[in-house]
Amino acid sequence: MRLSDLLRVDVVDSAGARVGRVQDARCVRDGPVQGAFGPAYRLQGLIVGTHGFGARLGYDRANVKGPVALKTFFRWLHSGDRFVEWALIATIEEEEIRLKVSAAELPKVPTLRQ
């Protein structure tokens, strides 16, 4: 499976309520060592929300520099985004990802710093 297969797929919680769409993914570098490359990346979870534009521009990252007005706008736009740990995913289908938990149990994505 490729990340492109997951992007923009609808996500529903355990009760069938729509949470949003997959906007981005978060990886951690803690896998087995891959020679000179170092530790392999592992998919930690998915960012789920209703807007992905700011994330695709990189404004959801704290270390990205940019105009304060844009960072403030994208912080507001992505304020409802949720982080879905990979272990919380029950099923992945072509049109839908179903979670093991309710949307209320999902943590918000940390807000941007100025």
C-alpha atoms as a PDB file:
ATOM      1  CA  MET A   1       0.000   0.000   0.000  1.00  0.00           C
ATOM      2  CA  ARG A   2       1.201   3.506  -0.820  1.00  0.00           C
ATOM      3  CA  LEU A   3       0.499   6.711   1.049  1.00  0.00           C
ATOM      4  CA  SER A   4      -1.139   8.088  -2.086  1.00  0.00           C
ATOM      5  CA  ASP A   5      -3.757   5.304  -1.720  1.00  0.00           C
ATOM      6  CA  LEU A   6      -4.709   6.715   1.708  1.00  0.00           C
ATOM      7  CA  LEU A   7      -4.697  10.457   1.018  1.00  0.00           C
ATOM      8  CA  ARG A   8      -8.158  12.027   0.744  1.00  0.00           C
ATOM      9  CA  VAL A   9      -9.908   8.793   1.807  1.00  0.00           C
ATOM     10  CA  ASP A  10     -12.889   9.295   4.138  1.00  0.00           C
ATOM     11  CA  VAL A  11     -12.366   8.298   7.782  1.00  0.00           C
ATOM     12  CA  VAL A  12     -15.275   7.183   9.977  1.00  0.00           C
ATOM     13  CA  ASP A  13     -15.252   6.391  13.679  1.00  0.00           C
ATOM     14  CA  SER A  14     -16.494   3.220  15.402  1.00  0.00           C
ATOM     15  CA  ALA A  15     -20.085   4.526  15.373  1.00  0.00           C
ATOM     16  CA  GLY A  16     -19.974   5.305  11.646  1.00  0.00           C
ATOM     17  CA  ALA A  17     -19.730   9.105  12.067  1.00  0.00           C
ATOM     18  CA  ARG A  18     -17.499  10.888   9.558  1.00  0.00           C
ATOM     19  CA  VAL A  19     -14.284  12.257  11.112  1.00  0.00           C
ATOM     20  CA  GLY A  20     -12.830  13.782   7.939  1.00  0.00           C
ATOM     21  CA  ARG A  21     -10.400  12.782   5.217  1.00  0.00           C
ATOM     22  CA  VAL A  22      -6.784  11.700   5.413  1.00  0.00           C
ATOM     23  CA  GLN A  23      -4.748  14.860   4.812  1.00  0.00           C
ATOM     24  CA  ASP A  24      -1.233  13.774   5.761  1.00  0.00           C
ATOM     25  CA  ALA A  25       0.778  11.116   7.559  1.00  0.00           C
ATOM     26  CA  ARG A  26       3.355  11.172  10.343  1.00  0.00           C
ATOM     27  CA  CYS A  27       6.341   8.862  10.324  1.00  0.00           C
ATOM     28  CA  VAL A  28       8.939   8.123  12.968  1.00  0.00           C
ATOM     29  CA  ARG A  29      12.469   6.966  12.302  1.00  0.00           C
ATOM     30  CA  ASP A  30      12.720   4.013  14.660  1.00  0.00           C
ATOM     31  CA  GLY A  31      12.786   0.977  12.395  1.00  0.00           C
ATOM     32  CA  PRO A  32      15.646  -1.417  11.717  1.00  0.00           C
ATOM     33  CA  VAL A  33      18.928   0.102  10.547  1.00  0.00           C
ATOM     34  CA  GLN A  34      19.160   0.231   6.738  1.00  0.00           C
ATOM     35  CA  GLY A  35      22.924   0.430   6.191  1.00  0.00           C
ATOM     36  CA  ALA A  36      24.194   3.972   5.522  1.00  0.00           C
ATOM     37  CA  PHE A  37      20.610   5.266   5.448  1.00  0.00           C
ATOM     38  CA  GLY A  38      20.184   4.638   9.174  1.00  0.00           C
ATOM     39  CA  PRO A  39      16.963   3.657  10.924  1.00  0.00           C
ATOM     40  CA  ALA A  40      13.977   2.980   8.668  1.00  0.00           C
ATOM     41  CA  TYR A  41      10.837   5.103   8.807  1.00  0.00           C
ATOM     42  CA  ARG A  42       7.615   3.682  10.250  1.00  0.00           C
ATOM     43  CA  LEU A  43       4.133   5.115   9.725  1.00  0.00           C
ATOM     44  CA  GLN A  44       3.033   6.359  13.151  1.00  0.00           C
ATOM     45  CA  GLY A  45      -0.391   7.647  12.187  1.00  0.00           C
ATOM     46  CA  LEU A  46      -2.596   9.759   9.968  1.00  0.00           C
ATOM     47  CA  ILE A  47      -3.683  13.399  10.113  1.00  0.00           C
ATOM     48  CA  VAL A  48      -7.429  13.535   9.508  1.00  0.00           C
ATOM     49  CA  GLY A  49      -9.370  16.721   8.853  1.00  0.00           C
ATOM     50  CA  THR A  50     -11.482  18.654   6.418  1.00  0.00           C
ATOM     51  CA  HIS A  51      -8.778  20.812   4.791  1.00  0.00           C
ATOM     52  CA  GLY A  52      -5.363  19.745   3.569  1.00  0.00           C
ATOM     53  CA  PHE A  53      -4.147  22.805   1.706  1.00  0.00           C
ATOM     54  CA  GLY A  54      -2.053  24.258   4.535  1.00  0.00           C
ATOM     55  CA  ALA A  55      -0.524  20.883   5.328  1.00  0.00           C
ATOM     56  CA  ARG A  56       0.520  20.381   1.713  1.00  0.00           C
ATOM     57  CA  LEU A  57       2.227  23.789   1.796  1.00  0.00           C
ATOM     58  CA  GLY A  58       4.011  22.798   5.003  1.00  0.00           C
ATOM     59  CA  TYR A  59       2.317  25.371   7.247  1.00  0.00           C
ATOM     60  CA  ASP A  60       1.254  22.662   9.687  1.00  0.00           C
ATOM     61  CA  ARG A  61       4.920  22.240  10.691  1.00  0.00           C
ATOM     62  CA  ALA A  62       6.204  24.409  13.542  1.00  0.00           C
ATOM     63  CA  ASN A  63       9.630  24.955  11.977  1.00  0.00           C
ATOM     64  CA  VAL A  64       8.324  26.312   8.650  1.00  0.00           C
ATOM     65  CA  LYS A  65       8.954  30.038   8.303  1.00  0.00           C
ATOM     66  CA  GLY A  66       6.373  32.235   6.679  1.00  0.00           C
ATOM     67  CA  PRO A  67       4.156  35.268   7.071  1.00  0.00           C
ATOM     68  CA  VAL A  68       2.436  35.377  10.452  1.00  0.00           C
ATOM     69  CA  ALA A  69      -0.907  36.055   8.773  1.00  0.00           C
ATOM     70  CA  LEU A  70      -0.669  32.822   6.752  1.00  0.00           C
ATOM     71  CA  LYS A  71       0.446  30.752   9.737  1.00  0.00           C
ATOM     72  CA  THR A  72      -2.450  32.171  11.790  1.00  0.00           C
ATOM     73  CA  PHE A  73      -4.933  31.459   9.014  1.00  0.00           C
ATOM     74  CA  PHE A  74      -3.744  27.864   8.573  1.00  0.00           C
ATOM     75  CA  ARG A  75      -3.722  27.301  12.355  1.00  0.00           C
ATOM     76  CA  TRP A  76      -7.398  28.267  12.374  1.00  0.00           C
ATOM     77  CA  LEU A  77      -8.149  26.211   9.248  1.00  0.00           C
ATOM     78  CA  HIS A  78      -6.561  23.071  10.739  1.00  0.00           C
ATOM     79  CA  SER A  79      -7.770  23.556  14.321  1.00  0.00           C
ATOM     80  CA  GLY A  80     -10.141  20.601  14.039  1.00  0.00           C
ATOM     81  CA  ASP A  81      -7.602  18.146  12.619  1.00  0.00           C
ATOM     82  CA  ARG A  82      -7.163  14.876  14.524  1.00  0.00           C
ATOM     83  CA  PHE A  83      -4.248  12.473  14.850  1.00  0.00           C
ATOM     84  CA  VAL A  84      -5.096   8.793  14.304  1.00  0.00           C
ATOM     85  CA  GLU A  85      -2.491   6.360  15.633  1.00  0.00           C
ATOM     86  CA  TRP A  86      -1.983   3.476  13.212  1.00  0.00           C
ATOM     87  CA  ALA A  87      -3.087   0.993  15.921  1.00  0.00           C
ATOM     88  CA  LEU A  88      -6.528   2.687  16.104  1.00  0.00           C
ATOM     89  CA  ILE A  89      -7.418   1.764  12.529  1.00  0.00           C
ATOM     90  CA  ALA A  90      -9.846  -1.160  12.301  1.00  0.00           C
ATOM     91  CA  THR A  91     -10.163  -1.522   8.506  1.00  0.00           C
ATOM     92  CA  ILE A  92      -8.845   0.137   5.386  1.00  0.00           C
ATOM     93  CA  GLU A  93     -10.939  -0.078   2.258  1.00  0.00           C
ATOM     94  CA  GLU A  94     -10.659   1.722  -1.058  1.00  0.00           C
ATOM     95  CA  GLU A  95     -13.327   4.309  -0.197  1.00  0.00           C
ATOM     96  CA  GLU A  96     -13.222   4.384   3.617  1.00  0.00           C
ATOM     97  CA  ILE A  97     -11.046   3.916   6.683  1.00  0.00           C
ATOM     98  CA  ARG A  98     -12.916   2.750   9.785  1.00  0.00           C
ATOM     99  CA  LEU A  99     -11.549   3.386  13.276  1.00  0.00           C
ATOM    100  CA  LYS A 100     -11.742   1.272  16.442  1.00  0.00           C
ATOM    101  CA  VAL A 101     -12.617   4.329  18.568  1.00  0.00           C
ATOM    102  CA  SER A 102     -15.004   7.289  18.516  1.00  0.00           C
ATOM    103  CA  ALA A 103     -13.933  10.646  17.112  1.00  0.00           C
ATOM    104  CA  ALA A 104     -14.098  12.169  20.601  1.00  0.00           C
ATOM    105  CA  GLU A 105     -11.248   9.902  21.697  1.00  0.00           C
ATOM    106  CA  LEU A 106      -8.859  11.157  19.011  1.00  0.00           C
ATOM    107  CA  PRO A 107      -6.302  13.782  20.036  1.00  0.00           C
ATOM    108  CA  LYS A 108      -6.105  17.068  18.178  1.00  0.00           C
ATOM    109  CA  VAL A 109      -3.038  17.677  16.072  1.00  0.00           C
ATOM    110  CA  PRO A 110      -0.726  19.992  18.018  1.00  0.00           C
ATOM    111  CA  THR A 111      -1.245  23.632  17.052  1.00  0.00           C
ATOM    112  CA  LEU A 112       1.320  25.583  15.114  1.00  0.00           C
ATOM    113  CA  ARG A 113       3.804  27.832  16.836  1.00  0.00           C
ATOM    114  CA  GLN A 114       4.406  31.310  15.468  1.00  0.00           C
END
